[in-house]
Every structure is written in C-alpha cells, then in structure tokens.
Amino acid sequence: MTHPGRGRGGWPAFMEYEAAATMEAMPRELHTAVGNFIKALALEAGAAIDAGKEPPGGRVGENGRRYLVQIPGEPVIIEYVVDHKIRELRIPVLLWIG
C-alpha cells in the first residue's frame, strides 16, 4: 500500500492492495507516469475540495464520494473515494487496459 500524496500538501492518496498490485505489474515507464499522476491528483483534488469545488473526474455511485478519472494518454482508469473525515483520497480500483 502506498501513499503517493502524503507529505506534499493537499490530501494524501492511499492506494488499496489490489490497485497497488496492478500498478506494480505495469512496465516501469507506465508505473512512473501513474505514480506522478496520482501525486498530482492528490494535490488538485485536495485543493478543489478545500475550496468547496468538485474534485477531478466524473462522480459515480449514489453516495457522491466516488470519482473516476482516466489518465490522459495512458490506458489507465482510477476510481477514488473522497474521505472527508480523515482528509484522504482512497484508491480502491486502478484499471489498466492493456
């Protein structure tokens, strides 16, 4: 389990085991691109939420806390959950199409 956004301002991003395992199976270049995207996502989403705006991605589900975002130019879709209580983004699903 990783915390790519922790310690960089914004909200940290916590990746659940299955999502992390998918990322670990990626080629090095894609793994690095996904890690960089998650870091940027944590900063951007945290800033948006703190400003009272919608975080990046499309809202899915009934509870209004789940979002889907595709990494531009990469065959990867990330589902993340906004946890307001602990000010964290949780990534339960990382879908690598390829």
C-alpha atoms as a PDB file:
ATOM      1  CA  MET A   1       0.000   0.000   0.000  1.00  0.00           C
ATOM      2  CA  THR A   2       1.326   3.360  -0.956  1.00  0.00           C
ATOM      3  CA  HIS A   3       0.766   6.989  -0.007  1.00  0.00           C
ATOM      4  CA  PRO A   4       1.909   8.957  -3.084  1.00  0.00           C
ATOM      5  CA  GLY A   5       0.419  12.267  -1.951  1.00  0.00           C
ATOM      6  CA  ARG A   6       1.458  12.231   1.712  1.00  0.00           C
ATOM      7  CA  GLY A   7       3.804  14.978   2.821  1.00  0.00           C
ATOM      8  CA  ARG A   8       3.351  17.103  -0.302  1.00  0.00           C
ATOM      9  CA  GLY A   9       0.480  19.313   0.788  1.00  0.00           C
ATOM     10  CA  GLY A  10      -3.086  18.686  -0.251  1.00  0.00           C
ATOM     11  CA  TRP A  11      -4.732  15.451   0.706  1.00  0.00           C
ATOM     12  CA  PRO A  12      -2.805  12.168   0.734  1.00  0.00           C
ATOM     13  CA  ALA A  13      -3.759   9.378  -1.666  1.00  0.00           C
ATOM     14  CA  PHE A  14      -3.946   5.890  -0.192  1.00  0.00           C
ATOM     15  CA  MET A  15      -3.866   3.012  -2.665  1.00  0.00           C
ATOM     16  CA  GLU A  16      -5.559  -0.216  -1.611  1.00  0.00           C
ATOM     17  CA  TYR A  17      -3.794  -3.545  -2.086  1.00  0.00           C
ATOM     18  CA  GLU A  18      -5.376  -4.673  -5.369  1.00  0.00           C
ATOM     19  CA  ALA A  19      -4.863  -1.280  -7.010  1.00  0.00           C
ATOM     20  CA  ALA A  20      -1.244  -1.220  -5.825  1.00  0.00           C
ATOM     21  CA  ALA A  21      -0.695  -4.751  -7.166  1.00  0.00           C
ATOM     22  CA  THR A  22      -1.999  -3.657 -10.572  1.00  0.00           C
ATOM     23  CA  MET A  23       0.372  -0.705 -10.567  1.00  0.00           C
ATOM     24  CA  GLU A  24       3.323  -2.902  -9.585  1.00  0.00           C
ATOM     25  CA  ALA A  25       2.633  -5.157 -12.594  1.00  0.00           C
ATOM     26  CA  MET A  26       2.984  -2.240 -15.039  1.00  0.00           C
ATOM     27  CA  PRO A  27       6.074  -1.547 -17.125  1.00  0.00           C
ATOM     28  CA  ARG A  28       8.410   0.897 -15.361  1.00  0.00           C
ATOM     29  CA  GLU A  29       7.573   3.875 -17.593  1.00  0.00           C
ATOM     30  CA  LEU A  30       3.824   3.467 -17.095  1.00  0.00           C
ATOM     31  CA  HIS A  31       4.288   2.810 -13.356  1.00  0.00           C
ATOM     32  CA  THR A  32       6.166   6.110 -13.057  1.00  0.00           C
ATOM     33  CA  ALA A  33       3.549   8.002 -15.091  1.00  0.00           C
ATOM     34  CA  VAL A  34       0.732   6.620 -12.923  1.00  0.00           C
ATOM     35  CA  GLY A  35       2.588   7.487  -9.708  1.00  0.00           C
ATOM     36  CA  ASN A  36       3.169  11.046 -10.918  1.00  0.00           C
ATOM     37  CA  PHE A  37      -0.483  11.366 -11.925  1.00  0.00           C
ATOM     38  CA  ILE A  38      -1.660  10.168  -8.504  1.00  0.00           C
ATOM     39  CA  LYS A  39       0.579  12.711  -6.783  1.00  0.00           C
ATOM     40  CA  ALA A  40      -0.845  15.498  -8.946  1.00  0.00           C
ATOM     41  CA  LEU A  41      -4.388  14.181  -8.427  1.00  0.00           C
ATOM     42  CA  ALA A  42      -3.967  14.311  -4.647  1.00  0.00           C
ATOM     43  CA  LEU A  43      -2.807  17.931  -4.831  1.00  0.00           C
ATOM     44  CA  GLU A  44      -5.501  19.028  -7.286  1.00  0.00           C
ATOM     45  CA  ALA A  45      -8.365  17.140  -5.643  1.00  0.00           C
ATOM     46  CA  GLY A  46      -7.405  18.303  -2.153  1.00  0.00           C
ATOM     47  CA  ALA A  47      -7.204  21.929  -3.279  1.00  0.00           C
ATOM     48  CA  ALA A  48     -10.575  21.681  -5.050  1.00  0.00           C
ATOM     49  CA  ILE A  49     -12.273  20.097  -2.040  1.00  0.00           C
ATOM     50  CA  ASP A  50     -10.766  22.645   0.340  1.00  0.00           C
ATOM     51  CA  ALA A  51     -12.092  25.410  -1.938  1.00  0.00           C
ATOM     52  CA  GLY A  52     -15.581  23.884  -1.931  1.00  0.00           C
ATOM     53  CA  LYS A  53     -15.349  22.708  -5.549  1.00  0.00           C
ATOM     54  CA  GLU A  54     -15.707  19.326  -7.224  1.00  0.00           C
ATOM     55  CA  PRO A  55     -12.522  17.252  -7.428  1.00  0.00           C
ATOM     56  CA  PRO A  56     -11.324  15.978 -10.827  1.00  0.00           C
ATOM     57  CA  GLY A  57     -13.120  13.176 -12.615  1.00  0.00           C
ATOM     58  CA  GLY A  58     -16.692  12.069 -13.006  1.00  0.00           C
ATOM     59  CA  ARG A  59     -18.825  11.342  -9.980  1.00  0.00           C
ATOM     60  CA  VAL A  60     -20.117   7.759  -9.783  1.00  0.00           C
ATOM     61  CA  GLY A  61     -22.298   5.880  -7.344  1.00  0.00           C
ATOM     62  CA  GLU A  62     -25.034   7.008  -5.024  1.00  0.00           C
ATOM     63  CA  ASN A  63     -23.022   8.294  -2.081  1.00  0.00           C
ATOM     64  CA  GLY A  64     -21.386  11.120  -4.036  1.00  0.00           C
ATOM     65  CA  ARG A  65     -17.876  10.362  -2.782  1.00  0.00           C
ATOM     66  CA  ARG A  66     -16.609   8.162  -5.646  1.00  0.00           C
ATOM     67  CA  TYR A  67     -14.942   9.535  -8.759  1.00  0.00           C
ATOM     68  CA  LEU A  68     -13.498   8.054 -11.960  1.00  0.00           C
ATOM     69  CA  VAL A  69     -10.657   9.664 -13.841  1.00  0.00           C
ATOM     70  CA  GLN A  70      -8.699   8.448 -16.854  1.00  0.00           C
ATOM     71  CA  ILE A  71      -5.034   9.333 -17.094  1.00  0.00           C
ATOM     72  CA  PRO A  72      -4.681  11.361 -20.311  1.00  0.00           C
ATOM     73  CA  GLY A  73      -2.710   9.463 -22.945  1.00  0.00           C
ATOM     74  CA  GLU A  74      -2.448   6.303 -20.839  1.00  0.00           C
ATOM     75  CA  PRO A  75      -4.600   3.146 -20.746  1.00  0.00           C
ATOM     76  CA  VAL A  76      -5.369   3.605 -17.043  1.00  0.00           C
ATOM     77  CA  ILE A  77      -8.567   4.498 -15.200  1.00  0.00           C
ATOM     78  CA  ILE A  78      -8.544   5.335 -11.499  1.00  0.00           C
ATOM     79  CA  GLU A  79     -11.500   5.125  -9.153  1.00  0.00           C
ATOM     80  CA  TYR A  80     -11.025   7.107  -5.978  1.00  0.00           C
ATOM     81  CA  VAL A  81     -13.099   7.835  -2.909  1.00  0.00           C
ATOM     82  CA  VAL A  82     -13.031  11.129  -1.035  1.00  0.00           C
ATOM     83  CA  ASP A  83     -12.893  10.568   2.736  1.00  0.00           C
ATOM     84  CA  HIS A  84     -13.691  13.915   4.326  1.00  0.00           C
ATOM     85  CA  LYS A  85     -13.250  12.629   7.891  1.00  0.00           C
ATOM     86  CA  ILE A  86      -9.541  11.906   7.516  1.00  0.00           C
ATOM     87  CA  ARG A  87      -8.919  14.217   4.528  1.00  0.00           C
ATOM     88  CA  GLU A  88      -7.669  11.440   2.294  1.00  0.00           C
ATOM     89  CA  LEU A  89      -8.256  10.066  -1.194  1.00  0.00           C
ATOM     90  CA  ARG A  90      -8.586   6.283  -1.191  1.00  0.00           C
ATOM     91  CA  ILE A  91      -7.905   4.415  -4.436  1.00  0.00           C
ATOM     92  CA  PRO A  92      -9.663   1.023  -4.390  1.00  0.00           C
ATOM     93  CA  VAL A  93      -9.578   0.468  -8.167  1.00  0.00           C
ATOM     94  CA  LEU A  94      -6.850   1.040 -10.711  1.00  0.00           C
ATOM     95  CA  LEU A  95      -7.813  -0.380 -14.096  1.00  0.00           C
ATOM     96  CA  TRP A  96      -5.000  -0.967 -16.586  1.00  0.00           C
ATOM     97  CA  ILE A  97      -6.364  -1.619 -20.046  1.00  0.00           C
ATOM     98  CA  GLY A  98      -3.537  -3.341 -21.802  1.00  0.00           C
END
